[in-house]
């Protein structure tokens, strides 16, 4: 059985300087910008179910169009609403081409990966709704593919956060369950510090909004992880631990507050450890 590498979906083009996001309609209290603020407590919602709904992103007039290779959506009702969703691109905000178009099977996390492309305009198109569409997260950008974990881990590890009351004799007299927390601990041992180039060759954004050249060599794993930590920090993001054989296992998580990946063998290698937690929906 072939496995696949761990992937992080955190880097998105929404919310970056110069980008403009608009929706064809927005219900009161449901700002369209909520789809990229990484929180779970607010969302975008259209004013009605009827008609075609659009969310348009104009990435601005940077020197190089912004590259994307994934779309992820969470906290939505499009499965229940029997909706069809499409992601499209355009260079003139007039003629649009589908990247994909499909009907979500349920209201769970929805992910599509595709061949990298770069254009100025992107838009979500939602049709066929039986109720007003609502989306908590809708991100698209460049995924971060890590590596195969060096040691075993349990992708289904859980801890129930609860208050348990017991009597003097130890009998359970009451249980108040708050929520269930998911955890994933990833370790990558003996990671080379010299593998590949020393610049980020995977579509990194420069200060001016353009993208660095995509190299033919491999970016060291630590550079990918350090960039994720520096730019994403403790904020929510999605992780897929095994896309080949468990494609539906895509979790919203956040990092532990500690970031420490020690050097070894005179600085030639690192042992990398990442602890992730998230509320189980």
Protein backbone atom coordinates (compact mmCIF):
# COMPACT_ATOMS: atom_id res chain seq x y z
CA UNK A 1 0.00 0.00 0.00
CA UNK A 2 1.54 3.29 -1.12
CA UNK A 3 1.29 6.17 1.32
CA UNK A 4 1.47 9.88 0.65
CA UNK A 5 3.33 12.69 2.38
CA UNK A 6 1.79 14.87 5.08
CA UNK A 7 0.33 18.09 3.67
CA UNK A 8 -0.46 21.45 5.27
CA UNK A 9 -3.06 23.80 3.79
CA UNK A 10 -2.35 27.16 5.39
CA UNK A 11 -0.87 29.44 2.72
CA UNK A 12 -3.64 31.29 0.90
CA UNK A 13 -3.83 34.30 -1.36
CA UNK A 14 -6.95 35.68 0.32
CA UNK A 15 -6.35 38.54 2.75
CA UNK A 16 -2.99 39.57 1.29
CA UNK A 17 -2.22 43.24 0.70
CA UNK A 18 -3.80 44.65 -2.46
CA UNK A 19 -6.31 41.81 -2.85
CA UNK A 20 -10.01 42.67 -3.00
CA UNK A 21 -12.72 40.14 -2.07
CA UNK A 22 -16.39 40.74 -2.90
CA UNK A 23 -19.60 38.69 -2.81
CA UNK A 24 -22.72 38.98 -4.95
CA UNK A 25 -24.80 39.21 -1.75
CA UNK A 26 -24.08 39.08 1.97
CA UNK A 27 -26.55 38.63 4.81
CA UNK A 28 -26.35 41.05 7.72
CA UNK A 29 -23.60 40.04 10.16
CA UNK A 30 -21.94 37.62 7.69
CA UNK A 31 -19.01 39.51 6.14
CA UNK A 32 -17.43 37.74 3.16
CA UNK A 33 -13.98 38.40 4.69
CA UNK A 34 -14.90 35.86 7.36
CA UNK A 35 -14.04 33.04 4.98
CA UNK A 36 -10.31 33.68 5.42
CA UNK A 37 -9.93 34.87 9.03
CA UNK A 38 -9.25 31.28 10.21
CA UNK A 39 -11.83 31.44 13.04
CA UNK A 40 -14.74 29.02 13.46
CA UNK A 41 -17.13 31.46 15.12
CA UNK A 42 -18.19 33.51 12.09
CA UNK A 43 -18.95 32.91 8.42
CA UNK A 44 -20.19 34.33 5.12
CA UNK A 45 -23.81 33.79 4.17
CA UNK A 46 -25.80 34.89 1.13
CA UNK A 47 -29.04 36.79 1.55
CA UNK A 48 -31.18 34.14 -0.17
CA UNK A 49 -31.03 30.67 -1.71
CA UNK A 50 -32.24 31.57 -5.20
CA UNK A 51 -29.96 32.47 -8.09
CA UNK A 52 -26.24 32.15 -8.71
CA UNK A 53 -23.90 33.25 -5.94
CA UNK A 54 -20.42 34.65 -6.56
CA UNK A 55 -17.39 35.34 -4.40
CA UNK A 56 -14.77 37.18 -6.46
CA UNK A 57 -11.10 37.71 -5.60
CA UNK A 58 -9.06 40.32 -7.47
CA UNK A 59 -5.40 39.72 -6.61
CA UNK A 60 -4.39 43.16 -7.91
CA UNK A 61 -1.86 44.23 -10.49
CA UNK A 62 1.32 42.60 -9.16
CA UNK A 63 4.24 41.85 -11.46
CA UNK A 64 3.47 38.12 -11.39
CA UNK A 65 -0.01 36.54 -11.06
CA UNK A 66 -0.55 34.67 -7.82
CA UNK A 67 -0.12 30.88 -8.03
CA UNK A 68 -2.60 28.42 -6.54
CA UNK A 69 -2.83 24.62 -6.49
CA UNK A 70 -5.53 23.82 -3.92
CA UNK A 71 -8.98 24.87 -2.71
CA UNK A 72 -10.33 23.93 0.71
CA UNK A 73 -13.67 24.68 2.31
CA UNK A 74 -14.96 23.94 5.81
CA UNK A 75 -17.93 24.79 8.02
CA UNK A 76 -20.35 25.03 5.08
CA UNK A 77 -23.87 23.87 4.27
CA UNK A 78 -23.48 23.19 0.55
CA UNK A 79 -24.07 19.45 0.89
CA UNK A 80 -27.34 19.97 2.75
CA UNK A 81 -28.29 22.73 0.29
CA UNK A 82 -27.71 20.38 -2.70
CA UNK A 83 -25.49 23.07 -4.20
CA UNK A 84 -22.92 22.90 -6.98
CA UNK A 85 -19.68 24.80 -6.41
CA UNK A 86 -17.08 25.83 -8.97
CA UNK A 87 -13.75 27.62 -8.69
CA UNK A 88 -12.86 29.66 -11.76
CA UNK A 89 -10.03 31.88 -13.00
CA UNK A 90 -9.82 34.84 -15.34
CA UNK A 91 -7.29 37.41 -16.51
CA UNK A 92 -9.81 40.08 -17.55
CA UNK A 93 -12.73 39.62 -15.09
CA UNK A 94 -14.93 38.80 -18.07
CA UNK A 95 -14.16 35.37 -19.52
CA UNK A 96 -13.87 32.76 -16.75
CA UNK A 97 -12.60 29.17 -16.94
CA UNK A 98 -13.51 26.38 -14.51
CA UNK A 99 -10.75 24.88 -12.39
CA UNK A 100 -13.33 22.41 -11.10
CA UNK A 101 -17.10 22.17 -10.72
CA UNK A 102 -18.79 19.62 -8.46
CA UNK A 103 -21.51 18.98 -5.91
CA UNK A 104 -20.21 18.39 -2.36
CA UNK A 105 -21.50 15.09 -0.99
CA UNK A 106 -21.91 16.44 2.54
CA UNK A 107 -21.13 19.41 4.78
CA UNK A 108 -17.70 18.10 5.79
CA UNK A 109 -14.31 19.48 4.80
CA UNK A 110 -14.11 19.82 1.03
CA UNK A 111 -10.68 19.74 -0.68
CA UNK A 112 -9.57 19.89 -4.28
CA UNK A 113 -5.96 19.83 -5.48
CA UNK A 114 -5.06 20.72 -9.05
CA UNK A 115 -2.13 21.57 -11.30
CA UNK A 116 -0.59 24.89 -10.31
CA UNK A 117 -1.88 27.92 -12.19
CA UNK A 118 -1.53 31.68 -11.80
CA UNK A 119 -4.08 34.34 -12.77
CA UNK A 120 -5.30 37.69 -11.55
CA UNK A 121 -8.96 36.86 -10.83
CA UNK A 122 -10.50 33.88 -9.08
CA UNK A 123 -14.11 33.34 -8.14
CA UNK A 124 -16.33 30.84 -6.37
CA UNK A 125 -19.62 30.15 -8.15
CA UNK A 126 -22.44 28.47 -6.21
CA UNK A 127 -25.65 27.32 -7.92
CA UNK A 128 -28.71 25.15 -7.30
CA UNK A 129 -29.07 25.96 -3.58
CA UNK A 130 -32.19 24.91 -1.69
CA UNK A 131 -31.19 27.24 1.16
CA UNK A 132 -28.95 30.28 1.49
CA UNK A 133 -25.31 29.12 1.15
CA UNK A 134 -23.07 29.60 4.18
CA UNK A 135 -19.29 29.10 4.39
CA UNK A 136 -16.96 29.45 7.38
CA UNK A 137 -13.66 28.77 5.57
CA UNK A 138 -12.88 28.96 1.85
CA UNK A 139 -9.17 29.19 1.08
CA UNK A 140 -7.09 28.73 -2.03
CA UNK A 141 -3.36 29.08 -2.45
CA UNK A 142 -0.21 26.93 -2.38
CA UNK A 143 -0.20 23.73 -0.36
CA UNK A 144 2.87 22.70 1.66
CA UNK A 145 3.88 19.08 1.14
CA UNK A 146 6.14 17.90 3.98
CA UNK A 147 7.43 14.31 4.08
CA UNK A 148 6.69 10.87 5.45
CA UNK A 149 6.71 10.89 9.25
CA UNK A 150 9.75 9.11 10.72
CA UNK A 151 7.91 7.52 13.62
CA UNK A 152 4.43 6.15 14.12
CA UNK A 153 1.57 8.39 15.18
CA UNK A 154 -2.15 8.05 15.74
CA UNK A 155 -4.15 10.35 13.41
CA UNK A 156 -7.29 9.52 15.39
CA UNK A 157 -6.03 10.34 18.88
CA UNK A 158 -8.68 12.14 20.91
CA UNK A 159 -9.18 13.58 24.37
CA UNK A 160 -12.61 14.38 25.77
CA UNK A 161 -12.63 17.68 27.61
CA UNK A 162 -15.11 17.13 30.43
CA UNK A 163 -15.87 17.77 34.08
CA UNK A 164 -16.47 14.51 35.95
CA UNK A 165 -18.05 14.63 39.41
CA UNK A 166 -17.51 11.72 41.80
CA UNK A 167 -18.82 10.92 45.23
CA UNK A 168 -16.66 10.47 48.32
CA UNK A 169 -16.64 6.74 47.60
CA UNK A 170 -15.56 7.26 43.99
CA UNK A 171 -18.89 6.74 42.26
CA UNK A 172 -19.54 8.90 39.20
CA UNK A 173 -22.36 11.30 40.01
CA UNK A 174 -22.30 13.51 36.94
CA UNK A 175 -20.46 14.20 33.69
CA UNK A 176 -20.43 17.48 31.77
CA UNK A 177 -18.81 17.01 28.37
CA UNK A 178 -17.49 20.22 26.79
CA UNK A 179 -15.92 19.08 23.52
CA UNK A 180 -13.55 16.50 22.04
CA UNK A 181 -10.04 17.53 21.08
CA UNK A 182 -8.08 15.84 18.30
CA UNK A 183 -4.28 15.64 18.42
CA UNK A 184 -1.56 14.68 15.94
CA UNK A 185 2.14 14.46 16.80
CA UNK A 186 4.46 14.40 13.79
CA UNK A 187 8.19 13.68 13.87
CA UNK A 188 10.70 13.95 11.04
CA UNK A 189 14.14 12.75 12.12
CA UNK A 190 17.54 13.37 10.50
CA UNK A 191 16.33 16.12 8.16
CA UNK A 192 19.13 17.43 5.96
CA UNK A 193 20.12 21.07 6.29
CA UNK A 194 21.81 21.13 2.88
CA UNK A 195 19.31 19.34 0.65
CA UNK A 196 18.21 21.46 -2.27
CA UNK A 197 18.48 25.20 -2.63
CA UNK A 198 18.60 27.69 0.23
CA UNK A 199 15.87 29.86 -1.25
CA UNK A 200 12.18 28.96 -1.13
CA UNK A 201 11.43 27.46 -4.49
CA UNK A 202 7.77 26.65 -3.97
CA UNK A 203 5.93 29.84 -4.91
CA UNK A 204 6.93 32.11 -2.02
CA UNK A 205 5.53 35.63 -2.05
CA UNK A 206 7.96 38.53 -2.02
CA UNK A 207 7.27 41.85 -0.34
CA UNK A 208 6.17 43.29 -3.66
CA UNK A 209 3.53 40.63 -4.20
CA UNK A 210 5.39 38.68 -6.88
CA UNK A 211 6.54 35.08 -6.65
CA UNK A 212 10.09 33.78 -6.52
CA UNK A 213 11.26 31.56 -9.35
CA UNK A 214 10.25 27.94 -8.97
CA UNK A 215 13.43 25.89 -8.88
CA UNK A 216 14.04 22.33 -9.99
CA UNK A 217 15.64 21.32 -6.70
CA UNK A 218 13.98 20.41 -3.42
CA UNK A 219 13.38 22.95 -0.68
CA UNK A 220 14.67 21.56 2.64
CA UNK A 221 11.86 20.37 4.90
CA UNK A 222 12.87 22.67 7.72
CA UNK A 223 12.51 25.73 5.49
CA UNK A 224 8.95 24.72 4.63
CA UNK A 225 8.11 24.19 8.30
CA UNK A 226 9.82 27.39 9.43
CA UNK A 227 7.90 29.40 6.88
CA UNK A 228 4.61 27.82 8.07
CA UNK A 229 5.49 28.70 11.66
CA UNK A 230 6.61 32.25 10.86
CA UNK A 231 3.56 33.18 8.80
CA UNK A 232 0.81 31.00 10.28
CA UNK A 233 1.93 30.69 13.90
CA UNK A 234 -0.83 29.55 16.26
CA UNK A 235 -3.68 30.20 13.83
CA UNK A 236 -5.95 27.47 12.50
CA UNK A 237 -5.02 25.58 9.34
CA UNK A 238 -5.90 22.27 7.70
CA UNK A 239 -3.73 19.16 7.65
CA UNK A 240 -4.03 15.92 5.65
CA UNK A 241 -1.97 13.10 7.12
CA UNK A 242 -2.50 10.57 4.30
CA UNK A 243 -4.27 11.74 1.15
CA UNK A 244 -3.83 8.52 -0.84
CA UNK A 245 -5.61 5.99 1.36
CA UNK A 246 -7.50 8.29 3.76
CA UNK A 247 -8.55 11.19 1.52
CA UNK A 248 -11.35 12.31 3.83
CA UNK A 249 -9.06 12.69 6.86
CA UNK A 250 -8.53 16.44 6.64
CA UNK A 251 -8.51 18.19 9.99
CA UNK A 252 -8.66 21.77 11.18
CA UNK A 253 -5.80 22.13 13.66
CA UNK A 254 -3.47 24.61 15.33
CA UNK A 255 0.12 24.28 16.46
CA UNK A 256 1.45 23.85 19.96
CA UNK A 257 2.90 27.07 21.38
CA UNK A 258 6.45 25.68 21.36
CA UNK A 259 8.61 25.58 18.24
CA UNK A 260 11.91 23.74 18.76
CA UNK A 261 13.65 21.60 16.17
CA UNK A 262 17.22 20.94 17.36
CA UNK A 263 20.28 20.63 15.17
CA UNK A 264 22.43 17.51 15.38
CA UNK A 265 25.57 16.00 13.83
CA UNK A 266 27.41 19.30 13.87
CA UNK A 267 24.49 21.17 12.29
CA UNK A 268 24.12 18.86 9.30
CA UNK A 269 20.69 17.53 10.35
CA UNK A 270 17.64 18.40 12.42
CA UNK A 271 15.09 16.39 14.31
CA UNK A 272 11.73 18.07 13.68
CA UNK A 273 8.69 17.60 15.92
CA UNK A 274 5.28 19.19 15.41
CA UNK A 275 2.34 18.86 17.82
CA UNK A 276 -1.10 19.75 16.48
CA UNK A 277 -4.45 19.98 18.24
CA UNK A 278 -7.94 20.87 17.10
CA UNK A 279 -11.57 20.57 18.06
CA UNK A 280 -13.23 17.49 16.64
CA UNK A 281 -16.33 18.62 14.76
